[in-house]
PDB file of N, CA and C in Angstrom:
ATOM      1  N   MET A   1      -3.152  19.603 -16.539  1.00  0.00           N
ATOM      2  CA  MET A   1      -1.853  19.734 -15.931  1.00  0.00           C
ATOM      3  C   MET A   1      -1.478  21.209 -15.933  1.00  0.00           C
ATOM      4  N   ALA A   2      -1.003  21.688 -14.798  1.00  0.00           N
ATOM      5  CA  ALA A   2      -0.614  23.088 -14.672  1.00  0.00           C
ATOM      6  C   ALA A   2       0.616  23.357 -15.527  1.00  0.00           C
ATOM      7  N   SER A   3       0.783  24.623 -15.895  1.00  0.00           N
ATOM      8  CA  SER A   3       1.907  24.971 -16.766  1.00  0.00           C
ATOM      9  C   SER A   3       3.249  24.691 -16.097  1.00  0.00           C
ATOM     10  N   THR A   4       3.340  24.880 -14.775  1.00  0.00           N
ATOM     11  CA  THR A   4       4.612  24.586 -14.091  1.00  0.00           C
ATOM     12  C   THR A   4       4.898  23.087 -14.107  1.00  0.00           C
ATOM     13  N   GLU A   5       3.853  22.270 -13.951  1.00  0.00           N
ATOM     14  CA  GLU A   5       4.037  20.814 -14.022  1.00  0.00           C
ATOM     15  C   GLU A   5       4.455  20.394 -15.421  1.00  0.00           C
ATOM     16  N   ALA A   6       3.841  20.988 -16.430  1.00  0.00           N
ATOM     17  CA  ALA A   6       4.181  20.666 -17.819  1.00  0.00           C
ATOM     18  C   ALA A   6       5.619  21.067 -18.121  1.00  0.00           C
ATOM     19  N   ALA A   7       6.037  22.215 -17.607  1.00  0.00           N
ATOM     20  CA  ALA A   7       7.414  22.674 -17.831  1.00  0.00           C
ATOM     21  C   ALA A   7       8.412  21.749 -17.141  1.00  0.00           C
ATOM     22  N   THR A   8       8.084  21.327 -15.935  1.00  0.00           N
ATOM     23  CA  THR A   8       8.961  20.405 -15.206  1.00  0.00           C
ATOM     24  C   THR A   8       9.066  19.078 -15.946  1.00  0.00           C
ATOM     25  N   LEU A   9       7.940  18.557 -16.391  1.00  0.00           N
ATOM     26  CA  LEU A   9       7.937  17.302 -17.136  1.00  0.00           C
ATOM     27  C   LEU A   9       8.732  17.425 -18.435  1.00  0.00           C
ATOM     28  N   ALA A  10       8.605  18.540 -19.113  1.00  0.00           N
ATOM     29  CA  ALA A  10       9.355  18.757 -20.356  1.00  0.00           C
ATOM     30  C   ALA A  10      10.862  18.766 -20.086  1.00  0.00           C
ATOM     31  N   ARG A  11      11.267  19.358 -18.973  1.00  0.00           N
ATOM     32  CA  ARG A  11      12.701  19.357 -18.624  1.00  0.00           C
ATOM     33  C   ARG A  11      13.179  17.948 -18.301  1.00  0.00           C
ATOM     34  N   ILE A  12      12.356  17.193 -17.573  1.00  0.00           N
ATOM     35  CA  ILE A  12      12.725  15.813 -17.237  1.00  0.00           C
ATOM     36  C   ILE A  12      12.851  14.979 -18.498  1.00  0.00           C
ATOM     37  N   GLU A  13      11.925  15.184 -19.438  1.00  0.00           N
ATOM     38  CA  GLU A  13      11.933  14.402 -20.673  1.00  0.00           C
ATOM     39  C   GLU A  13      13.111  14.727 -21.587  1.00  0.00           C
ATOM     40  N   GLN A  14      13.853  15.774 -21.292  1.00  0.00           N
ATOM     41  CA  GLN A  14      15.051  16.081 -22.074  1.00  0.00           C
ATOM     42  C   GLN A  14      16.136  15.031 -21.857  1.00  0.00           C
ATOM     43  N   ASP A  15      16.092  14.381 -20.700  1.00  0.00           N
ATOM     44  CA  ASP A  15      17.015  13.284 -20.441  1.00  0.00           C
ATOM     45  C   ASP A  15      16.530  12.069 -21.219  1.00  0.00           C
ATOM     46  N   GLU A  16      17.410  11.484 -22.011  1.00  0.00           N
ATOM     47  CA  GLU A  16      17.032  10.380 -22.898  1.00  0.00           C
ATOM     48  C   GLU A  16      16.488   9.177 -22.120  1.00  0.00           C
ATOM     49  N   GLU A  17      17.139   8.820 -21.030  1.00  0.00           N
ATOM     50  CA  GLU A  17      16.710   7.671 -20.236  1.00  0.00           C
ATOM     51  C   GLU A  17      15.345   7.925 -19.594  1.00  0.00           C
ATOM     52  N   ALA A  18      15.165   9.110 -19.037  1.00  0.00           N
ATOM     53  CA  ALA A  18      13.876   9.454 -18.422  1.00  0.00           C
ATOM     54  C   ALA A  18      12.768   9.468 -19.468  1.00  0.00           C
ATOM     55  N   ALA A  19      13.074   9.950 -20.662  1.00  0.00           N
ATOM     56  CA  ALA A  19      12.074   9.985 -21.732  1.00  0.00           C
ATOM     57  C   ALA A  19      11.630   8.571 -22.108  1.00  0.00           C
ATOM     58  N   ARG A  20      12.584   7.618 -22.153  1.00  0.00           N
ATOM     59  CA  ARG A  20      12.221   6.231 -22.455  1.00  0.00           C
ATOM     60  C   ARG A  20      11.302   5.661 -21.381  1.00  0.00           C
ATOM     61  N   VAL A  21      11.645   5.926 -20.112  1.00  0.00           N
ATOM     62  CA  VAL A  21      10.832   5.416 -19.000  1.00  0.00           C
ATOM     63  C   VAL A  21       9.432   6.024 -19.038  1.00  0.00           C
ATOM     64  N   ILE A  22       9.355   7.311 -19.263  1.00  0.00           N
ATOM     65  CA  ILE A  22       8.049   7.988 -19.310  1.00  0.00           C
ATOM     66  C   ILE A  22       7.206   7.429 -20.458  1.00  0.00           C
ATOM     67  N   ALA A  23       7.815   7.242 -21.615  1.00  0.00           N
ATOM     68  CA  ALA A  23       7.063   6.727 -22.767  1.00  0.00           C
ATOM     69  C   ALA A  23       6.566   5.308 -22.493  1.00  0.00           C
ATOM     70  N   LEU A  24       7.430   4.459 -21.946  1.00  0.00           N
ATOM     71  CA  LEU A  24       7.017   3.083 -21.644  1.00  0.00           C
ATOM     72  C   LEU A  24       5.938   3.055 -20.566  1.00  0.00           C
ATOM     73  N   THR A  25       6.058   3.923 -19.583  1.00  0.00           N
ATOM     74  CA  THR A  25       5.056   3.984 -18.515  1.00  0.00           C
ATOM     75  C   THR A  25       3.702   4.410 -19.069  1.00  0.00           C
ATOM     76  N   ARG A  26       3.705   5.407 -19.921  1.00  0.00           N
ATOM     77  CA  ARG A  26       2.444   5.854 -20.537  1.00  0.00           C
ATOM     78  C   ARG A  26       1.812   4.743 -21.376  1.00  0.00           C
ATOM     79  N   GLN A  27       2.641   4.031 -22.125  1.00  0.00           N
ATOM     80  CA  GLN A  27       2.124   2.938 -22.950  1.00  0.00           C
ATOM     81  C   GLN A  27       1.517   1.836 -22.081  1.00  0.00           C
ATOM     82  N   PHE A  28       2.199   1.508 -20.990  1.00  0.00           N
ATOM     83  CA  PHE A  28       1.690   0.456 -20.109  1.00  0.00           C
ATOM     84  C   PHE A  28       0.374   0.888 -19.467  1.00  0.00           C
ATOM     85  N   CYS A  29       0.310   2.131 -19.002  1.00  0.00           N
ATOM     86  CA  CYS A  29      -0.939   2.635 -18.408  1.00  0.00           C
ATOM     87  C   CYS A  29      -2.074   2.575 -19.416  1.00  0.00           C
ATOM     88  N   GLU A  30      -1.803   2.914 -20.659  1.00  0.00           N
ATOM     89  CA  GLU A  30      -2.835   2.858 -21.689  1.00  0.00           C
ATOM     90  C   GLU A  30      -3.278   1.424 -21.948  1.00  0.00           C
ATOM     91  N   LEU A  31      -2.332   0.475 -21.913  1.00  0.00           N
ATOM     92  CA  LEU A  31      -2.691  -0.938 -22.064  1.00  0.00           C
ATOM     93  C   LEU A  31      -3.678  -1.361 -20.980  1.00  0.00           C
ATOM     94  N   VAL A  32      -3.374  -0.988 -19.750  1.00  0.00           N
ATOM     95  CA  VAL A  32      -4.229  -1.382 -18.625  1.00  0.00           C
ATOM     96  C   VAL A  32      -5.562  -0.656 -18.685  1.00  0.00           C
ATOM     97  N   ARG A  33      -5.536   0.630 -18.935  1.00  0.00           N
ATOM     98  CA  ARG A  33      -6.782   1.405 -18.961  1.00  0.00           C
ATOM     99  C   ARG A  33      -7.694   1.013 -20.105  1.00  0.00           C
ATOM    100  N   SER A  34      -7.123   0.586 -21.202  1.00  0.00           N
ATOM    101  CA  SER A  34      -7.952   0.227 -22.360  1.00  0.00           C
ATOM    102  C   SER A  34      -8.754  -1.046 -22.109  1.00  0.00           C
ATOM    103  N   ARG A  35      -8.433  -1.776 -21.054  1.00  0.00           N
ATOM    104  CA  ARG A  35      -9.136  -3.023 -20.738  1.00  0.00           C
ATOM    105  C   ARG A  35     -10.149  -2.858 -19.614  1.00  0.00           C
ATOM    106  N   ARG A  36     -10.331  -1.648 -19.109  1.00  0.00           N
ATOM    107  CA  ARG A  36     -11.228  -1.431 -17.971  1.00  0.00           C
ATOM    108  C   ARG A  36     -12.670  -1.719 -18.332  1.00  0.00           C
ATOM    109  N   ILE A  37     -13.375  -2.321 -17.399  1.00  0.00           N
ATOM    110  CA  ILE A  37     -14.795  -2.638 -17.599  1.00  0.00           C
ATOM    111  C   ILE A  37     -15.613  -1.359 -17.693  1.00  0.00           C
ATOM    112  N   ALA A  38     -15.193  -0.317 -16.963  1.00  0.00           N
ATOM    113  CA  ALA A  38     -15.938   0.938 -16.965  1.00  0.00           C
ATOM    114  C   ALA A  38     -16.060   1.498 -18.386  1.00  0.00           C
ATOM    115  N   ARG A  39     -15.079   1.212 -19.219  1.00  0.00           N
ATOM    116  CA  ARG A  39     -15.136   1.671 -20.604  1.00  0.00           C
ATOM    117  C   ARG A  39     -15.854   0.661 -21.498  1.00  0.00           C
ATOM    118  N   ARG A  40     -16.349  -0.397 -20.879  1.00  0.00           N
ATOM    119  CA  ARG A  40     -17.036  -1.461 -21.606  1.00  0.00           C
ATOM    120  C   ARG A  40     -16.158  -2.035 -22.725  1.00  0.00           C
ATOM    121  N   ALA A  41     -14.907  -2.270 -22.390  1.00  0.00           N
ATOM    122  CA  ALA A  41     -13.990  -2.839 -23.368  1.00  0.00           C
ATOM    123  C   ALA A  41     -14.433  -4.249 -23.728  1.00  0.00           C
ATOM    124  N   GLU A  42     -14.338  -4.559 -24.970  1.00  0.00           N
ATOM    125  CA  GLU A  42     -14.689  -5.899 -25.429  1.00  0.00           C
ATOM    126  C   GLU A  42     -13.584  -6.867 -25.020  1.00  0.00           C
ATOM    127  N   PRO A  43     -13.957  -8.042 -24.528  1.00  0.00           N
ATOM    128  CA  PRO A  43     -12.922  -9.024 -24.211  1.00  0.00           C
ATOM    129  C   PRO A  43     -12.168  -9.414 -25.480  1.00  0.00           C
ATOM    130  N   THR A  44     -10.901  -9.615 -25.342  1.00  0.00           N
ATOM    131  CA  THR A  44     -10.086  -9.968 -26.489  1.00  0.00           C
ATOM    132  C   THR A  44      -9.140 -11.094 -26.125  1.00  0.00           C
ATOM    133  N   LYS A  45      -8.757 -11.854 -27.073  1.00  0.00           N
ATOM    134  CA  LYS A  45      -7.815 -12.944 -26.850  1.00  0.00           C
ATOM    135  C   LYS A  45      -6.398 -12.501 -27.187  1.00  0.00           C
ATOM    136  N   SER A  46      -6.248 -11.370 -27.828  1.00  0.00           N
ATOM    137  CA  SER A  46      -4.944 -10.926 -28.292  1.00  0.00           C
ATOM    138  C   SER A  46      -4.196 -10.153 -27.218  1.00  0.00           C
ATOM    139  N   CYS A  47      -2.957 -10.540 -27.023  1.00  0.00           N
ATOM    140  CA  CYS A  47      -2.069  -9.814 -26.111  1.00  0.00           C
ATOM    141  C   CYS A  47      -0.923  -9.204 -26.896  1.00  0.00           C
ATOM    142  N   ARG A  48      -1.121  -9.040 -28.183  1.00  0.00           N
ATOM    143  CA  ARG A  48      -0.061  -8.506 -29.032  1.00  0.00           C
ATOM    144  C   ARG A  48       0.445  -7.151 -28.543  1.00  0.00           C
ATOM    145  N   PRO A  49      -0.420  -6.207 -28.158  1.00  0.00           N
ATOM    146  CA  PRO A  49       0.104  -4.925 -27.648  1.00  0.00           C
ATOM    147  C   PRO A  49       0.963  -5.105 -26.393  1.00  0.00           C
ATOM    148  N   PHE A  50       0.557  -6.022 -25.517  1.00  0.00           N
ATOM    149  CA  PHE A  50       1.343  -6.284 -24.311  1.00  0.00           C
ATOM    150  C   PHE A  50       2.682  -6.913 -24.676  1.00  0.00           C
ATOM    151  N   GLU A  51       2.677  -7.859 -25.602  1.00  0.00           N
ATOM    152  CA  GLU A  51       3.921  -8.511 -26.016  1.00  0.00           C
ATOM    153  C   GLU A  51       4.873  -7.497 -26.642  1.00  0.00           C
ATOM    154  N   THR A  52       4.339  -6.586 -27.434  1.00  0.00           N
ATOM    155  CA  THR A  52       5.155  -5.537 -28.039  1.00  0.00           C
ATOM    156  C   THR A  52       5.752  -4.645 -26.963  1.00  0.00           C
ATOM    157  N   TRP A  53       4.916  -4.223 -26.014  1.00  0.00           N
ATOM    158  CA  TRP A  53       5.401  -3.386 -24.916  1.00  0.00           C
ATOM    159  C   TRP A  53       6.461  -4.110 -24.109  1.00  0.00           C
ATOM    160  N   LEU A  54       6.236  -5.376 -23.830  1.00  0.00           N
ATOM    161  CA  LEU A  54       7.173  -6.174 -23.046  1.00  0.00           C
ATOM    162  C   LEU A  54       8.535  -6.246 -23.736  1.00  0.00           C
ATOM    163  N   GLY A  55       8.529  -6.432 -25.038  1.00  0.00           N
ATOM    164  CA  GLY A  55       9.779  -6.456 -25.797  1.00  0.00           C
ATOM    165  C   GLY A  55      10.538  -5.144 -25.691  1.00  0.00           C
ATOM    166  N   LYS A  56       9.818  -4.037 -25.806  1.00  0.00           N
ATOM    167  CA  LYS A  56      10.458  -2.720 -25.680  1.00  0.00           C
ATOM    168  C   LYS A  56      11.015  -2.514 -24.278  1.00  0.00           C
ATOM    169  N   ALA A  57      10.244  -2.895 -23.269  1.00  0.00           N
ATOM    170  CA  ALA A  57      10.660  -2.672 -21.878  1.00  0.00           C
ATOM    171  C   ALA A  57      11.869  -3.535 -21.516  1.00  0.00           C
ATOM    172  N   ARG A  58      11.924  -4.748 -22.035  1.00  0.00           N
ATOM    173  CA  ARG A  58      13.056  -5.635 -21.733  1.00  0.00           C
ATOM    174  C   ARG A  58      14.353  -5.143 -22.333  1.00  0.00           C
ATOM    175  N   THR A  59      14.275  -4.344 -23.386  1.00  0.00           N
ATOM    176  CA  THR A  59      15.485  -3.895 -24.082  1.00  0.00           C
ATOM    177  C   THR A  59      15.696  -2.387 -24.010  1.00  0.00           C
ATOM    178  N   CYS A  60      15.074  -1.723 -23.058  1.00  0.00           N
ATOM    179  CA  CYS A  60      15.147  -0.257 -23.003  1.00  0.00           C
ATOM    180  C   CYS A  60      16.430   0.285 -22.375  1.00  0.00           C
ATOM    181  N   ARG A  61      17.237  -0.575 -21.793  1.00  0.00           N
ATOM    182  CA  ARG A  61      18.507  -0.207 -21.161  1.00  0.00           C
ATOM    183  C   ARG A  61      18.310   0.690 -19.932  1.00  0.00           C
ATOM    184  N   VAL A  62      17.171   0.531 -19.269  1.00  0.00           N
ATOM    185  CA  VAL A  62      16.930   1.163 -17.970  1.00  0.00           C
ATOM    186  C   VAL A  62      16.648   0.020 -17.003  1.00  0.00           C
ATOM    187  N   ARG A  63      17.545  -0.156 -16.058  1.00  0.00           N
ATOM    188  CA  ARG A  63      17.499  -1.349 -15.203  1.00  0.00           C
ATOM    189  C   ARG A  63      16.154  -1.511 -14.482  1.00  0.00           C
ATOM    190  N   ALA A  64      15.622  -0.443 -13.928  1.00  0.00           N
ATOM    191  CA  ALA A  64      14.365  -0.537 -13.184  1.00  0.00           C
ATOM    192  C   ALA A  64      13.224  -1.003 -14.090  1.00  0.00           C
ATOM    193  N   MET A  65      13.161  -0.482 -15.305  1.00  0.00           N
ATOM    194  CA  MET A  65      12.099  -0.869 -16.233  1.00  0.00           C
ATOM    195  C   MET A  65      12.303  -2.310 -16.704  1.00  0.00           C
ATOM    196  N   GLU A  66      13.544  -2.688 -16.952  1.00  0.00           N
ATOM    197  CA  GLU A  66      13.823  -4.065 -17.357  1.00  0.00           C
ATOM    198  C   GLU A  66      13.451  -5.052 -16.254  1.00  0.00           C
ATOM    199  N   THR A  67      13.710  -4.680 -14.989  1.00  0.00           N
ATOM    200  CA  THR A  67      13.341  -5.525 -13.852  1.00  0.00           C
ATOM    201  C   THR A  67      11.829  -5.639 -13.743  1.00  0.00           C
ATOM    202  N   PHE A  68      11.128  -4.519 -13.936  1.00  0.00           N
ATOM    203  CA  PHE A  68       9.661  -4.524 -13.912  1.00  0.00           C
ATOM    204  C   PHE A  68       9.121  -5.438 -15.004  1.00  0.00           C
ATOM    205  N   ALA A  69       9.684  -5.327 -16.206  1.00  0.00           N
ATOM    206  CA  ALA A  69       9.245  -6.155 -17.324  1.00  0.00           C
ATOM    207  C   ALA A  69       9.513  -7.634 -17.043  1.00  0.00           C
ATOM    208  N   LYS A  70      10.651  -7.927 -16.430  1.00  0.00           N
ATOM    209  CA  LYS A  70      10.974  -9.315 -16.098  1.00  0.00           C
ATOM    210  C   LYS A  70       9.955  -9.880 -15.103  1.00  0.00           C
ATOM    211  N   GLY A  71       9.559  -9.062 -14.117  1.00  0.00           N
ATOM    212  CA  GLY A  71       8.543  -9.492 -13.156  1.00  0.00           C
ATOM    213  C   GLY A  71       7.206  -9.748 -13.826  1.00  0.00           C
ATOM    214  N   LEU A  72       6.827  -8.872 -14.760  1.00  0.00           N
ATOM    215  CA  LEU A  72       5.578  -9.079 -15.497  1.00  0.00           C
ATOM    216  C   LEU A  72       5.658 -10.332 -16.356  1.00  0.00           C
ATOM    217  N   GLU A  73       6.827 -10.579 -16.907  1.00  0.00           N
ATOM    218  CA  GLU A  73       7.003 -11.768 -17.734  1.00  0.00           C
ATOM    219  C   GLU A  73       6.888 -13.041 -16.890  1.00  0.00           C
ATOM    220  N   GLN A  74       7.415 -12.999 -15.671  1.00  0.00           N
ATOM    221  CA  GLN A  74       7.310 -14.158 -14.783  1.00  0.00           C
ATOM    222  C   GLN A  74       5.860 -14.438 -14.411  1.00  0.00           C
ATOM    223  N   ASP A  75       5.066 -13.390 -14.272  1.00  0.00           N
ATOM    224  CA  ASP A  75       3.642 -13.530 -13.978  1.00  0.00           C
ATOM    225  C   ASP A  75       2.823 -13.381 -15.258  1.00  0.00           C
ATOM    226  N   GLY A  76       3.397 -13.769 -16.372  1.00  0.00           N
ATOM    227  CA  GLY A  76       2.803 -13.533 -17.679  1.00  0.00           C
ATOM    228  C   GLY A  76       1.384 -14.030 -17.838  1.00  0.00           C
ATOM    229  N   ASP A  77       1.101 -15.230 -17.360  1.00  0.00           N
ATOM    230  CA  ASP A  77      -0.257 -15.765 -17.519  1.00  0.00           C
ATOM    231  C   ASP A  77      -1.282 -14.900 -16.798  1.00  0.00           C
ATOM    232  N   ALA A  78      -0.947 -14.463 -15.595  1.00  0.00           N
ATOM    233  CA  ALA A  78      -1.872 -13.617 -14.823  1.00  0.00           C
ATOM    234  C   ALA A  78      -2.058 -12.256 -15.493  1.00  0.00           C
ATOM    235  N   VAL A  79      -0.975 -11.676 -15.993  1.00  0.00           N
ATOM    236  CA  VAL A  79      -1.069 -10.367 -16.652  1.00  0.00           C
ATOM    237  C   VAL A  79      -1.898 -10.474 -17.925  1.00  0.00           C
ATOM    238  N   ARG A  80      -1.637 -11.491 -18.704  1.00  0.00           N
ATOM    239  CA  ARG A  80      -2.407 -11.677 -19.942  1.00  0.00           C
ATOM    240  C   ARG A  80      -3.894 -11.904 -19.646  1.00  0.00           C
ATOM    241  N   ALA A  81      -4.165 -12.676 -18.608  1.00  0.00           N
ATOM    242  CA  ALA A  81      -5.568 -12.903 -18.222  1.00  0.00           C
ATOM    243  C   ALA A  81      -6.225 -11.595 -17.798  1.00  0.00           C
ATOM    244  N   ALA A  82      -5.494 -10.777 -17.041  1.00  0.00           N
ATOM    245  CA  ALA A  82      -6.053  -9.495 -16.598  1.00  0.00           C
ATOM    246  C   ALA A  82      -6.315  -8.565 -17.772  1.00  0.00           C
ATOM    247  N   LEU A  83      -5.467  -8.629 -18.792  1.00  0.00           N
ATOM    248  CA  LEU A  83      -5.630  -7.742 -19.936  1.00  0.00           C
ATOM    249  C   LEU A  83      -6.675  -8.223 -20.937  1.00  0.00           C
ATOM    250  N   THR A  84      -6.977  -9.522 -20.931  1.00  0.00           N
ATOM    251  CA  THR A  84      -7.906 -10.053 -21.930  1.00  0.00           C
ATOM    252  C   THR A  84      -9.268 -10.428 -21.367  1.00  0.00           C
ATOM    253  N   SER A  85      -9.405 -10.422 -20.058  1.00  0.00           N
ATOM    254  CA  SER A  85     -10.665 -10.828 -19.443  1.00  0.00           C
ATOM    255  C   SER A  85     -11.499  -9.610 -19.056  1.00  0.00           C
ATOM    256  N   PRO A  86     -12.808  -9.703 -19.218  1.00  0.00           N
ATOM    257  CA  PRO A  86     -13.657  -8.597 -18.788  1.00  0.00           C
ATOM    258  C   PRO A  86     -13.894  -8.603 -17.277  1.00  0.00           C
ATOM    259  N   TRP A  87     -13.415  -9.619 -16.582  1.00  0.00           N
ATOM    260  CA  TRP A  87     -13.648  -9.747 -15.151  1.00  0.00           C
ATOM    261  C   TRP A  87     -12.593  -9.006 -14.351  1.00  0.00           C
ATOM    262  N   SER A  88     -12.995  -8.584 -13.146  1.00  0.00           N
ATOM    263  CA  SER A  88     -12.082  -7.863 -12.263  1.00  0.00           C
ATOM    264  C   SER A  88     -12.264  -8.369 -10.839  1.00  0.00           C
ATOM    265  N   ASN A  89     -11.184  -8.380 -10.079  1.00  0.00           N
ATOM    266  CA  ASN A  89     -11.273  -8.775  -8.677  1.00  0.00           C
ATOM    267  C   ASN A  89     -11.131  -7.559  -7.761  1.00  0.00           C
ATOM    268  N   ALA A  90     -11.399  -6.381  -8.290  1.00  0.00           N
ATOM    269  CA  ALA A  90     -11.210  -5.139  -7.535  1.00  0.00           C
ATOM    270  C   ALA A  90     -12.066  -5.098  -6.270  1.00  0.00           C
ATOM    271  N   GLN A  91     -13.312  -5.535  -6.332  1.00  0.00           N
ATOM    272  CA  GLN A  91     -14.166  -5.488  -5.142  1.00  0.00           C
ATOM    273  C   GLN A  91     -13.652  -6.420  -4.062  1.00  0.00           C
ATOM    274  N   ALA A  92     -13.211  -7.598  -4.444  1.00  0.00           N
ATOM    275  CA  ALA A  92     -12.660  -8.534  -3.453  1.00  0.00           C
ATOM    276  C   ALA A  92     -11.401  -7.949  -2.821  1.00  0.00           C
ATOM    277  N   GLU A  93     -10.529  -7.362  -3.641  1.00  0.00           N
ATOM    278  CA  GLU A  93      -9.303  -6.753  -3.111  1.00  0.00           C
ATOM    279  C   GLU A  93      -9.629  -5.617  -2.154  1.00  0.00           C
ATOM    280  N   ASP A  94     -10.668  -4.846  -2.456  1.00  0.00           N
ATOM    281  CA  ASP A  94     -11.078  -3.754  -1.582  1.00  0.00           C
ATOM    282  C   ASP A  94     -11.511  -4.278  -0.217  1.00  0.00           C
ATOM    283  N   GLN A  95     -12.307  -5.341  -0.218  1.00  0.00           N
ATOM    284  CA  GLN A  95     -12.763  -5.926   1.049  1.00  0.00           C
ATOM    285  C   GLN A  95     -11.593  -6.501   1.851  1.00  0.00           C
ATOM    286  N   ILE A  96     -10.649  -7.131   1.169  1.00  0.00           N
ATOM    287  CA  ILE A  96      -9.475  -7.675   1.849  1.00  0.00           C
ATOM    288  C   ILE A  96      -8.648  -6.561   2.471  1.00  0.00           C
ATOM    289  N   THR A  97      -8.488  -5.459   1.754  1.00  0.00           N
ATOM    290  CA  THR A  97      -7.735  -4.320   2.276  1.00  0.00           C
ATOM    291  C   THR A  97      -8.402  -3.753   3.521  1.00  0.00           C
ATOM    292  N   LYS A  98      -9.725  -3.621   3.493  1.00  0.00           N
ATOM    293  CA  LYS A  98     -10.449  -3.121   4.669  1.00  0.00           C
ATOM    294  C   LYS A  98     -10.286  -4.053   5.866  1.00  0.00           C
ATOM    295  N   LEU A  99     -10.360  -5.351   5.617  1.00  0.00           N
ATOM    296  CA  LEU A  99     -10.198  -6.331   6.684  1.00  0.00           C
ATOM    297  C   LEU A  99      -8.799  -6.250   7.285  1.00  0.00           C
ATOM    298  N   LYS A 100      -7.786  -6.145   6.444  1.00  0.00           N
ATOM    299  CA  LYS A 100      -6.413  -6.036   6.936  1.00  0.00           C
ATOM    300  C   LYS A 100      -6.207  -4.760   7.751  1.00  0.00           C
ATOM    301  N   LEU A 101      -6.839  -3.670   7.331  1.00  0.00           N
ATOM    302  CA  LEU A 101      -6.738  -2.420   8.083  1.00  0.00           C
ATOM    303  C   LEU A 101      -7.338  -2.579   9.476  1.00  0.00           C
ATOM    304  N   LEU A 102      -8.522  -3.167   9.543  1.00  0.00           N
ATOM    305  CA  LEU A 102      -9.147  -3.417  10.845  1.00  0.00           C
ATOM    306  C   LEU A 102      -8.267  -4.307  11.719  1.00  0.00           C
ATOM    307  N   LYS A 103      -7.720  -5.333  11.128  1.00  0.00           N
ATOM    308  CA  LYS A 103      -6.884  -6.264  11.871  1.00  0.00           C
ATOM    309  C   LYS A 103      -5.647  -5.556  12.418  1.00  0.00           C
ATOM    310  N   ARG A 104      -5.024  -4.713  11.605  1.00  0.00           N
ATOM    311  CA  ARG A 104      -3.842  -3.979  12.064  1.00  0.00           C
ATOM    312  C   ARG A 104      -4.189  -2.996  13.174  1.00  0.00           C
ATOM    313  N   GLN A 105      -5.334  -2.349  13.061  1.00  0.00           N
ATOM    314  CA  GLN A 105      -5.754  -1.398  14.090  1.00  0.00           C
ATOM    315  C   GLN A 105      -5.952  -2.088  15.432  1.00  0.00           C
ATOM    316  N   MET A 106      -6.381  -3.335  15.387  1.00  0.00           N
ATOM    317  CA  MET A 106      -6.698  -4.059  16.622  1.00  0.00           C
ATOM    318  C   MET A 106      -5.569  -4.981  17.068  1.00  0.00           C
ATOM    319  N   TYR A 107      -4.434  -4.949  16.409  1.00  0.00           N
ATOM    320  CA  TYR A 107      -3.353  -5.902  16.670  1.00  0.00           C
ATOM    321  C   TYR A 107      -3.018  -5.982  18.155  1.00  0.00           C
ATOM    322  N   GLY A 108      -3.135  -7.176  18.686  1.00  0.00           N
ATOM    323  CA  GLY A 108      -2.761  -7.421  20.074  1.00  0.00           C
ATOM    324  C   GLY A 108      -3.732  -6.879  21.105  1.00  0.00           C
ATOM    325  N   ARG A 109      -4.858  -6.338  20.686  1.00  0.00           N
ATOM    326  CA  ARG A 109      -5.778  -5.697  21.625  1.00  0.00           C
ATOM    327  C   ARG A 109      -7.068  -6.465  21.842  1.00  0.00           C
ATOM    328  N   ALA A 110      -7.399  -7.377  20.935  1.00  0.00           N
ATOM    329  CA  ALA A 110      -8.708  -8.025  21.053  1.00  0.00           C
ATOM    330  C   ALA A 110      -8.664  -9.417  20.450  1.00  0.00           C
ATOM    331  N   SER A 111      -9.715 -10.135  20.678  1.00  0.00           N
ATOM    332  CA  SER A 111      -9.809 -11.509  20.183  1.00  0.00           C
ATOM    333  C   SER A 111     -10.402 -11.541  18.772  1.00  0.00           C
ATOM    334  N   PHE A 112     -10.413 -12.724  18.212  1.00  0.00           N
ATOM    335  CA  PHE A 112     -10.988 -12.930  16.894  1.00  0.00           C
ATOM    336  C   PHE A 112     -12.478 -12.601  16.886  1.00  0.00           C
ATOM    337  N   ASP A 113     -13.170 -12.876  17.997  1.00  0.00           N
ATOM    338  CA  ASP A 113     -14.612 -12.606  18.057  1.00  0.00           C
ATOM    339  C   ASP A 113     -14.911 -11.114  17.874  1.00  0.00           C
ATOM    340  N   LEU A 114     -14.115 -10.264  18.519  1.00  0.00           N
ATOM    341  CA  LEU A 114     -14.329  -8.820  18.358  1.00  0.00           C
ATOM    342  C   LEU A 114     -14.028  -8.391  16.924  1.00  0.00           C
ATOM    343  N   LEU A 115     -12.959  -8.912  16.339  1.00  0.00           N
ATOM    344  CA  LEU A 115     -12.639  -8.602  14.944  1.00  0.00           C
ATOM    345  C   LEU A 115     -13.792  -9.010  14.031  1.00  0.00           C
ATOM    346  N   ARG A 116     -14.333 -10.196  14.252  1.00  0.00           N
ATOM    347  CA  ARG A 116     -15.454 -10.676  13.440  1.00  0.00           C
ATOM    348  C   ARG A 116     -16.655  -9.740  13.578  1.00  0.00           C
ATOM    349  N   ARG A 117     -16.968  -9.313  14.812  1.00  0.00           N
ATOM    350  CA  ARG A 117     -18.098  -8.395  15.024  1.00  0.00           C
ATOM    351  C   ARG A 117     -17.872  -7.065  14.314  1.00  0.00           C
ATOM    352  N   ARG A 118     -16.653  -6.551  14.396  1.00  0.00           N
ATOM    353  CA  ARG A 118     -16.376  -5.273  13.730  1.00  0.00           C
ATOM    354  C   ARG A 118     -16.507  -5.397  12.214  1.00  0.00           C
ATOM    355  N   VAL A 119     -16.054  -6.517  11.672  1.00  0.00           N
ATOM    356  CA  VAL A 119     -16.169  -6.724  10.221  1.00  0.00           C
ATOM    357  C   VAL A 119     -17.626  -6.828   9.831  1.00  0.00           C
ATOM    358  N   LEU A 120     -18.400  -7.582  10.565  1.00  0.00           N
ATOM    359  CA  LEU A 120     -19.815  -7.745  10.227  1.00  0.00           C
ATOM    360  C   LEU A 120     -20.601  -6.452  10.379  1.00  0.00           C
ATOM    361  N   LEU A 121     -20.194  -5.592  11.314  1.00  0.00           N
ATOM    362  CA  LEU A 121     -20.883  -4.327  11.500  1.00  0.00           C
ATOM    363  C   LEU A 121     -20.607  -3.346  10.357  1.00  0.00           C
ATOM    364  N   THR A 122     -19.471  -3.496   9.683  1.00  0.00           N
ATOM    365  CA  THR A 122     -19.152  -2.577   8.582  1.00  0.00           C
ATOM    366  C   THR A 122     -19.799  -2.965   7.275  1.00  0.00           C
ATOM    367  N   ILE A 123     -20.361  -4.150   7.218  1.00  0.00           N
ATOM    368  CA  ILE A 123     -20.972  -4.613   5.970  1.00  0.00           C
ATOM    369  C   ILE A 123     -22.335  -4.007   5.762  1.00  0.00           C
TER     370      ILE A 123
END
């Protein structure tokens, strides 16, 4: 990080609310990154770090973070599965994104047959 970026971040962190958001964001990113397959993380059944983070985020008194935590809590089973499973659906999501991009580029201009040919040609 450049010194100007570090100085800007330090000034932002002087605000108590911003500091709470930054700390919670860093903790959440670390939770997600610690489960990456690239790091060969061992599968675990424990979601204790996530539950701890969720408790902090729900009571941080920053509305945006509390709303984010509430959304994660509503999708709790999926989040816990993502954090404890060694499996990833990243490749499938990548292919879906590419397909949607092609479809948007061709919107209203061609038939399904042409879309199918373009998809098969990119594989």
